[in-house]
Amino acid sequence: MSKSWLLPAVLFAACASSDPPAERQRARDWRTLTSTRQFAGEKSLAAEVEYGAGTLTIAPAAAGTLYRSDLRYDGTQVQPEVSYTDGRFHFGMGRDGKHISGNRHYGERNRLDLQFGPDAPLSLDLKFGAGKATIDLGGLDVAALSIATGASESQVSFSKPTKGACQNIDLQAGAAKMTVTGLGNLSPRSLSVQGGVGDVTLDFSGAWRNDLSAKIAMGIGSLQVNVPRGIGLRVNKTSMLASFDAPEMVKQGSTYVSQGYQSAQRHIEIDIDAAFGSINVKWVGAAASGGSF
């Protein structure tokens, strides 16, 4: 996965900690924009969302709604781009909206609320720069998912089983904290994670419908992996100075295999390439015995 979008977002966040005097004195022009479309038999929905900085929420909409977006923005900086054509939804900030300047408190006043309905299979490509994101796709028909974040705190959840079959999910976290819960409810067949500088938590709880193959690359930071008991887990690890804590797993060279792997009904295989930091495996459901490698 490319880091071409993440690097500008990280650099932007580092430079936007305070407004220059001219920015603080300039009058803001706060506006709201709502866009919505009803489901009309679409076979699928491809959604491309680019949001520079602020607060972002994505949640399920009621049946009969294809999508809905509610944006609060500064008209002196942003010219929103919202369009829909033949099953393709695009949301962008326009003008200099991908690099909204301003201090932290100003950034928090930008807000985007998105909703997607459960009727059409959803392929979501999200690029989010700086701020806080809360995303719940539980119950939707998620065909594919790609999320790239810059300097942000993001919570991604699948609060209940999704419909359909998700082939792949790609996650890229820059200078960020990212927490993903309920991955079993999505049941993707493959998962790719790329972490830059920060903390990533992956919770594999949920109603698994198939096996999973995952590739995780971490730079500097921590990786927490929560796995339900009863899942067969295999971890192939390549690391420089990253510690690895894997309770109840048997070491076989650079591979670690959970007890009862062969008899498990569902399997997760993870390839981890980490530079600096820590990798921790936690078994969910009961107290796990310790064991470090």
Protein backbone atom coordinates (compact mmCIF):
# COMPACT_ATOMS: atom_id res chain seq x y z
CA MET A 1 0.00 0.00 0.00
CA SER A 2 1.20 3.46 -0.86
CA LYS A 3 2.06 6.09 1.74
CA SER A 4 1.64 8.91 -0.80
CA TRP A 5 -1.52 10.23 0.83
CA LEU A 6 -0.49 9.65 4.44
CA LEU A 7 2.72 11.69 4.39
CA PRO A 8 1.12 15.03 3.43
CA ALA A 9 -1.58 14.47 6.04
CA VAL A 10 0.98 13.83 8.78
CA LEU A 11 3.05 16.86 7.80
CA PHE A 12 -0.09 19.00 7.65
CA ALA A 13 -1.14 17.97 11.15
CA ALA A 14 2.29 18.83 12.54
CA CYS A 15 2.16 22.31 11.02
CA ALA A 16 -1.45 23.14 11.92
CA SER A 17 -1.14 23.32 15.70
CA SER A 18 -1.93 27.05 15.77
CA ASP A 19 -3.28 29.75 13.49
CA PRO A 20 -1.06 32.58 12.31
CA PRO A 21 -2.32 36.03 13.45
CA ALA A 22 -4.00 36.74 10.11
CA GLU A 23 -5.94 33.47 10.35
CA ARG A 24 -7.13 34.22 13.88
CA GLN A 25 -8.42 37.66 12.82
CA ARG A 26 -10.22 36.47 9.71
CA ALA A 27 -14.00 36.11 10.00
CA ARG A 28 -15.34 32.62 9.56
CA ASP A 29 -18.34 31.83 7.39
CA TRP A 30 -19.88 28.73 8.92
CA ARG A 31 -22.33 26.89 6.70
CA THR A 32 -24.17 23.58 6.56
CA LEU A 33 -24.79 21.33 3.57
CA THR A 34 -27.04 18.26 3.42
CA SER A 35 -27.16 15.78 0.57
CA THR A 36 -29.33 12.65 0.51
CA ARG A 37 -30.53 10.05 -1.96
CA GLN A 38 -33.08 7.28 -1.65
CA PHE A 39 -32.38 3.70 -2.68
CA ALA A 40 -33.74 3.08 -6.18
CA GLY A 41 -32.67 -0.47 -6.91
CA GLU A 42 -28.93 0.23 -7.26
CA LYS A 43 -26.89 -2.96 -7.62
CA SER A 44 -23.98 -1.42 -5.66
CA LEU A 45 -22.66 1.85 -4.21
CA ALA A 46 -19.03 2.92 -4.62
CA ALA A 47 -18.34 5.75 -2.16
CA GLU A 48 -15.17 7.88 -2.31
CA VAL A 49 -14.77 10.24 0.66
CA GLU A 50 -11.92 12.70 1.26
CA TYR A 51 -12.12 14.74 4.46
CA GLY A 52 -9.22 16.93 5.57
CA ALA A 53 -9.72 17.80 9.23
CA GLY A 54 -12.42 17.86 11.85
CA THR A 55 -14.88 15.41 13.36
CA LEU A 56 -16.17 12.57 11.22
CA THR A 57 -18.93 10.05 11.92
CA ILE A 58 -20.13 7.28 9.64
CA ALA A 59 -23.13 5.18 10.63
CA PRO A 60 -25.81 2.95 9.10
CA ALA A 61 -28.91 4.59 7.63
CA ALA A 62 -32.40 3.14 7.67
CA ALA A 63 -33.51 0.82 4.88
CA GLY A 64 -34.59 2.79 1.82
CA THR A 65 -31.79 5.34 2.11
CA LEU A 66 -28.82 5.02 -0.24
CA TYR A 67 -26.72 7.71 1.47
CA ARG A 68 -26.98 10.92 3.46
CA SER A 69 -24.28 13.50 4.24
CA ASP A 70 -24.45 16.44 6.66
CA LEU A 71 -21.50 18.83 6.62
CA ARG A 72 -20.64 21.84 8.78
CA TYR A 73 -17.83 23.85 7.21
CA ASP A 74 -16.15 27.25 6.84
CA GLY A 75 -17.19 28.74 3.51
CA THR A 76 -14.08 30.94 3.41
CA GLN A 77 -11.88 27.84 3.10
CA VAL A 78 -14.02 25.06 1.70
CA GLN A 79 -16.08 24.48 -1.39
CA PRO A 80 -17.66 21.05 -0.86
CA GLU A 81 -17.77 18.61 -3.74
CA VAL A 82 -20.69 16.19 -3.54
CA SER A 83 -21.77 14.17 -6.54
CA TYR A 84 -23.57 10.98 -7.52
CA THR A 85 -23.62 9.23 -10.88
CA ASP A 86 -24.66 5.67 -11.69
CA GLY A 87 -23.91 4.10 -8.33
CA ARG A 88 -20.83 6.23 -7.57
CA PHE A 89 -20.89 8.72 -4.69
CA HIS A 90 -18.08 11.26 -4.26
CA PHE A 91 -17.49 13.60 -1.33
CA GLY A 92 -14.57 16.04 -1.27
CA MET A 93 -13.80 19.33 0.43
CA GLY A 94 -12.61 21.28 -2.62
CA ARG A 95 -10.54 24.48 -2.59
CA ASP A 96 -7.99 23.96 0.20
CA GLY A 97 -10.29 21.64 2.15
CA LYS A 98 -7.82 18.76 2.13
CA HIS A 99 -5.41 20.98 4.05
CA ILE A 100 -7.68 23.04 6.28
CA SER A 101 -5.53 25.39 8.32
CA GLY A 102 -6.39 26.28 11.87
CA ASN A 103 -5.74 25.35 15.45
CA ARG A 104 -7.10 22.28 17.18
CA HIS A 105 -10.24 23.99 18.49
CA TYR A 106 -11.06 25.39 15.05
CA GLY A 107 -10.59 21.98 13.46
CA GLU A 108 -13.01 20.43 15.92
CA ARG A 109 -15.75 22.75 14.64
CA ASN A 110 -15.65 21.16 11.19
CA ARG A 111 -18.01 18.21 11.17
CA LEU A 112 -19.10 15.59 8.65
CA ASP A 113 -21.83 13.04 9.38
CA LEU A 114 -22.30 10.29 6.80
CA GLN A 115 -24.86 7.52 6.63
CA PHE A 116 -25.07 4.59 4.22
CA GLY A 117 -28.07 2.34 3.79
CA PRO A 118 -28.14 -1.48 3.96
CA ASP A 119 -29.80 -2.16 0.60
CA ALA A 120 -26.87 -1.84 -1.85
CA PRO A 121 -23.43 -3.50 -1.45
CA LEU A 122 -21.04 -0.75 -0.32
CA SER A 123 -17.44 -0.25 -1.42
CA LEU A 124 -16.04 2.57 0.73
CA ASP A 125 -12.75 4.38 0.05
CA LEU A 126 -12.11 6.86 2.88
CA LYS A 127 -9.20 9.28 3.25
CA PHE A 128 -9.24 11.22 6.52
CA GLY A 129 -6.55 13.71 7.50
CA ALA A 130 -6.64 15.01 11.07
CA GLY A 131 -9.18 14.92 13.86
CA LYS A 132 -11.45 12.27 15.33
CA ALA A 133 -13.43 9.65 13.43
CA THR A 134 -16.13 7.30 14.70
CA ILE A 135 -17.20 4.73 12.13
CA ASP A 136 -19.75 1.92 12.54
CA LEU A 137 -20.64 -0.21 9.52
CA GLY A 138 -22.49 -2.94 11.42
CA GLY A 139 -25.45 -4.43 9.58
CA LEU A 140 -24.50 -2.98 6.18
CA ASP A 141 -23.61 -4.91 3.04
CA VAL A 142 -19.87 -4.12 2.92
CA ALA A 143 -18.19 -5.45 -0.24
CA ALA A 144 -14.82 -3.68 0.20
CA LEU A 145 -13.33 -1.16 2.59
CA SER A 146 -10.27 1.10 2.42
CA ILE A 147 -9.45 3.61 5.18
CA ALA A 148 -6.39 5.88 5.22
CA THR A 149 -5.83 8.32 8.10
CA GLY A 150 -3.25 10.98 8.90
CA ALA A 151 -2.85 12.46 12.39
CA SER A 152 -6.10 11.27 13.85
CA GLU A 153 -7.88 9.17 16.43
CA SER A 154 -10.14 6.69 14.65
CA GLN A 155 -12.57 4.11 15.99
CA VAL A 156 -13.90 1.65 13.42
CA SER A 157 -16.49 -0.90 14.48
CA PHE A 158 -18.74 -3.59 13.12
CA SER A 159 -21.29 -3.68 15.92
CA LYS A 160 -23.33 -6.47 14.35
CA PRO A 161 -22.84 -8.91 11.46
CA THR A 162 -22.70 -7.35 8.03
CA LYS A 163 -24.51 -8.72 4.98
CA GLY A 164 -22.92 -10.13 1.85
CA ALA A 165 -19.24 -11.02 1.47
CA CYS A 166 -16.34 -8.64 2.05
CA GLN A 167 -13.31 -9.65 0.02
CA ASN A 168 -10.77 -7.20 1.39
CA ILE A 169 -10.19 -4.43 3.92
CA ASP A 170 -7.20 -2.05 3.73
CA LEU A 171 -6.22 0.12 6.70
CA GLN A 172 -3.49 2.78 6.70
CA ALA A 173 -2.74 4.77 9.82
CA GLY A 174 -0.19 7.61 9.77
CA ALA A 175 0.65 9.39 13.03
CA ALA A 176 -2.50 7.97 14.49
CA LYS A 177 -4.38 5.90 17.00
CA MET A 178 -6.68 3.42 15.31
CA THR A 179 -9.00 0.93 17.01
CA VAL A 180 -10.96 -1.61 14.98
CA THR A 181 -13.52 -3.81 16.76
CA GLY A 182 -15.83 -6.62 15.69
CA LEU A 183 -13.84 -7.71 12.64
CA GLY A 184 -15.49 -11.12 12.86
CA ASN A 185 -18.84 -9.49 12.12
CA LEU A 186 -17.39 -8.23 8.83
CA SER A 187 -15.58 -11.51 8.07
CA PRO A 188 -13.25 -10.20 5.35
CA ARG A 189 -11.25 -12.80 3.47
CA SER A 190 -8.12 -10.64 3.52
CA LEU A 191 -6.88 -7.76 5.66
CA SER A 192 -3.99 -5.35 5.05
CA VAL A 193 -2.80 -2.96 7.76
CA GLN A 194 -0.04 -0.38 7.51
CA GLY A 195 0.82 1.60 10.62
CA GLY A 196 3.20 4.56 10.69
CA VAL A 197 3.72 6.14 14.10
CA GLY A 198 1.07 5.33 16.68
CA ASP A 199 -1.07 2.64 18.24
CA VAL A 200 -3.23 0.12 16.40
CA THR A 201 -5.74 -2.24 18.03
CA LEU A 202 -7.38 -5.01 16.01
CA ASP A 203 -10.22 -6.90 17.66
CA PHE A 204 -11.24 -10.06 15.79
CA SER A 205 -14.39 -10.74 17.80
CA GLY A 206 -17.68 -11.47 16.05
CA ALA A 207 -19.52 -14.06 13.99
CA TRP A 208 -16.83 -15.36 11.63
CA ARG A 209 -18.11 -16.89 8.40
CA ASN A 210 -14.78 -17.76 6.78
CA ASP A 211 -11.02 -17.89 7.34
CA LEU A 212 -8.85 -14.75 7.18
CA SER A 213 -5.40 -13.97 5.80
CA ALA A 214 -3.86 -10.74 7.15
CA LYS A 215 -0.70 -8.76 6.43
CA ILE A 216 0.38 -6.13 8.94
CA ALA A 217 3.30 -3.70 8.61
CA MET A 218 4.12 -1.49 11.60
CA GLY A 219 6.64 1.34 11.89
CA ILE A 220 6.98 2.80 15.38
CA GLY A 221 4.28 2.08 17.91
CA SER A 222 2.19 -0.68 19.42
CA LEU A 223 -0.01 -3.35 17.91
CA GLN A 224 -2.70 -5.00 20.03
CA VAL A 225 -4.39 -8.09 18.56
CA ASN A 226 -7.49 -9.45 20.34
CA VAL A 227 -8.56 -12.93 19.22
CA PRO A 228 -11.61 -14.91 20.43
CA ARG A 229 -10.91 -18.27 22.02
CA GLY A 230 -11.69 -21.12 19.63
CA ILE A 231 -10.13 -19.37 16.63
CA GLY A 232 -7.03 -21.04 15.22
CA LEU A 233 -4.30 -18.40 15.07
CA ARG A 234 -1.01 -18.54 13.21
CA VAL A 235 1.41 -15.58 13.35
CA ASN A 236 4.44 -15.27 11.08
CA LYS A 237 6.64 -12.53 12.55
CA THR A 238 9.46 -10.48 11.09
CA SER A 239 10.65 -7.70 13.40
CA MET A 240 13.69 -5.60 14.22
CA LEU A 241 13.31 -4.23 17.74
CA ALA A 242 9.65 -4.97 18.37
CA SER A 243 8.77 -7.08 21.40
CA PHE A 244 6.25 -9.89 20.98
CA ASP A 245 3.93 -11.18 23.70
CA ALA A 246 1.87 -14.21 22.62
CA PRO A 247 0.15 -16.17 25.41
CA GLU A 248 -0.84 -19.77 24.78
CA MET A 249 1.01 -20.00 21.47
CA VAL A 250 3.73 -22.43 20.47
CA LYS A 251 6.85 -21.07 18.82
CA GLN A 252 8.03 -22.80 15.66
CA GLY A 253 10.99 -20.78 14.37
CA SER A 254 9.60 -17.35 13.47
CA THR A 255 6.04 -18.73 13.47
CA TYR A 256 3.68 -18.93 16.45
CA VAL A 257 0.70 -21.28 16.45
CA SER A 258 -2.20 -21.32 18.91
CA GLN A 259 -3.06 -24.42 20.87
CA GLY A 260 -5.74 -26.47 19.10
CA TYR A 261 -5.04 -24.78 15.78
CA GLN A 262 -5.70 -27.86 13.66
CA SER A 263 -9.08 -28.62 15.24
CA ALA A 264 -10.41 -25.04 15.09
CA GLN A 265 -13.33 -24.39 12.73
CA ARG A 266 -12.08 -20.94 11.73
CA HIS A 267 -8.48 -19.82 11.18
CA ILE A 268 -6.66 -16.49 11.11
CA GLU A 269 -3.17 -16.27 9.66
CA ILE A 270 -1.24 -13.04 10.22
CA ASP A 271 2.06 -11.97 8.67
CA ILE A 272 3.56 -9.20 10.81
CA ASP A 273 6.50 -7.01 9.78
CA ALA A 274 7.35 -4.57 12.58
CA ALA A 275 10.27 -2.19 13.17
CA PHE A 276 10.10 -0.69 16.67
CA GLY A 277 7.53 -0.99 19.43
CA SER A 278 5.44 -3.84 20.79
CA ILE A 279 3.14 -6.57 19.53
CA ASN A 280 0.67 -8.13 21.96
CA VAL A 281 -1.78 -10.98 21.40
CA LYS A 282 -4.73 -11.19 23.81
CA TRP A 283 -7.22 -14.04 23.94
CA VAL A 284 -10.77 -12.76 24.43
CA GLY A 285 -13.31 -14.63 26.51
CA ALA A 286 -11.37 -15.72 29.60
CA ALA A 287 -8.15 -14.99 31.46
CA ALA A 288 -5.14 -16.03 29.36
CA SER A 289 -1.97 -17.44 30.79
CA GLY A 290 1.21 -15.47 30.22
CA GLY A 291 3.93 -16.31 27.75
CA SER A 292 6.46 -13.99 26.12
CA PHE A 293 8.85 -14.60 23.23
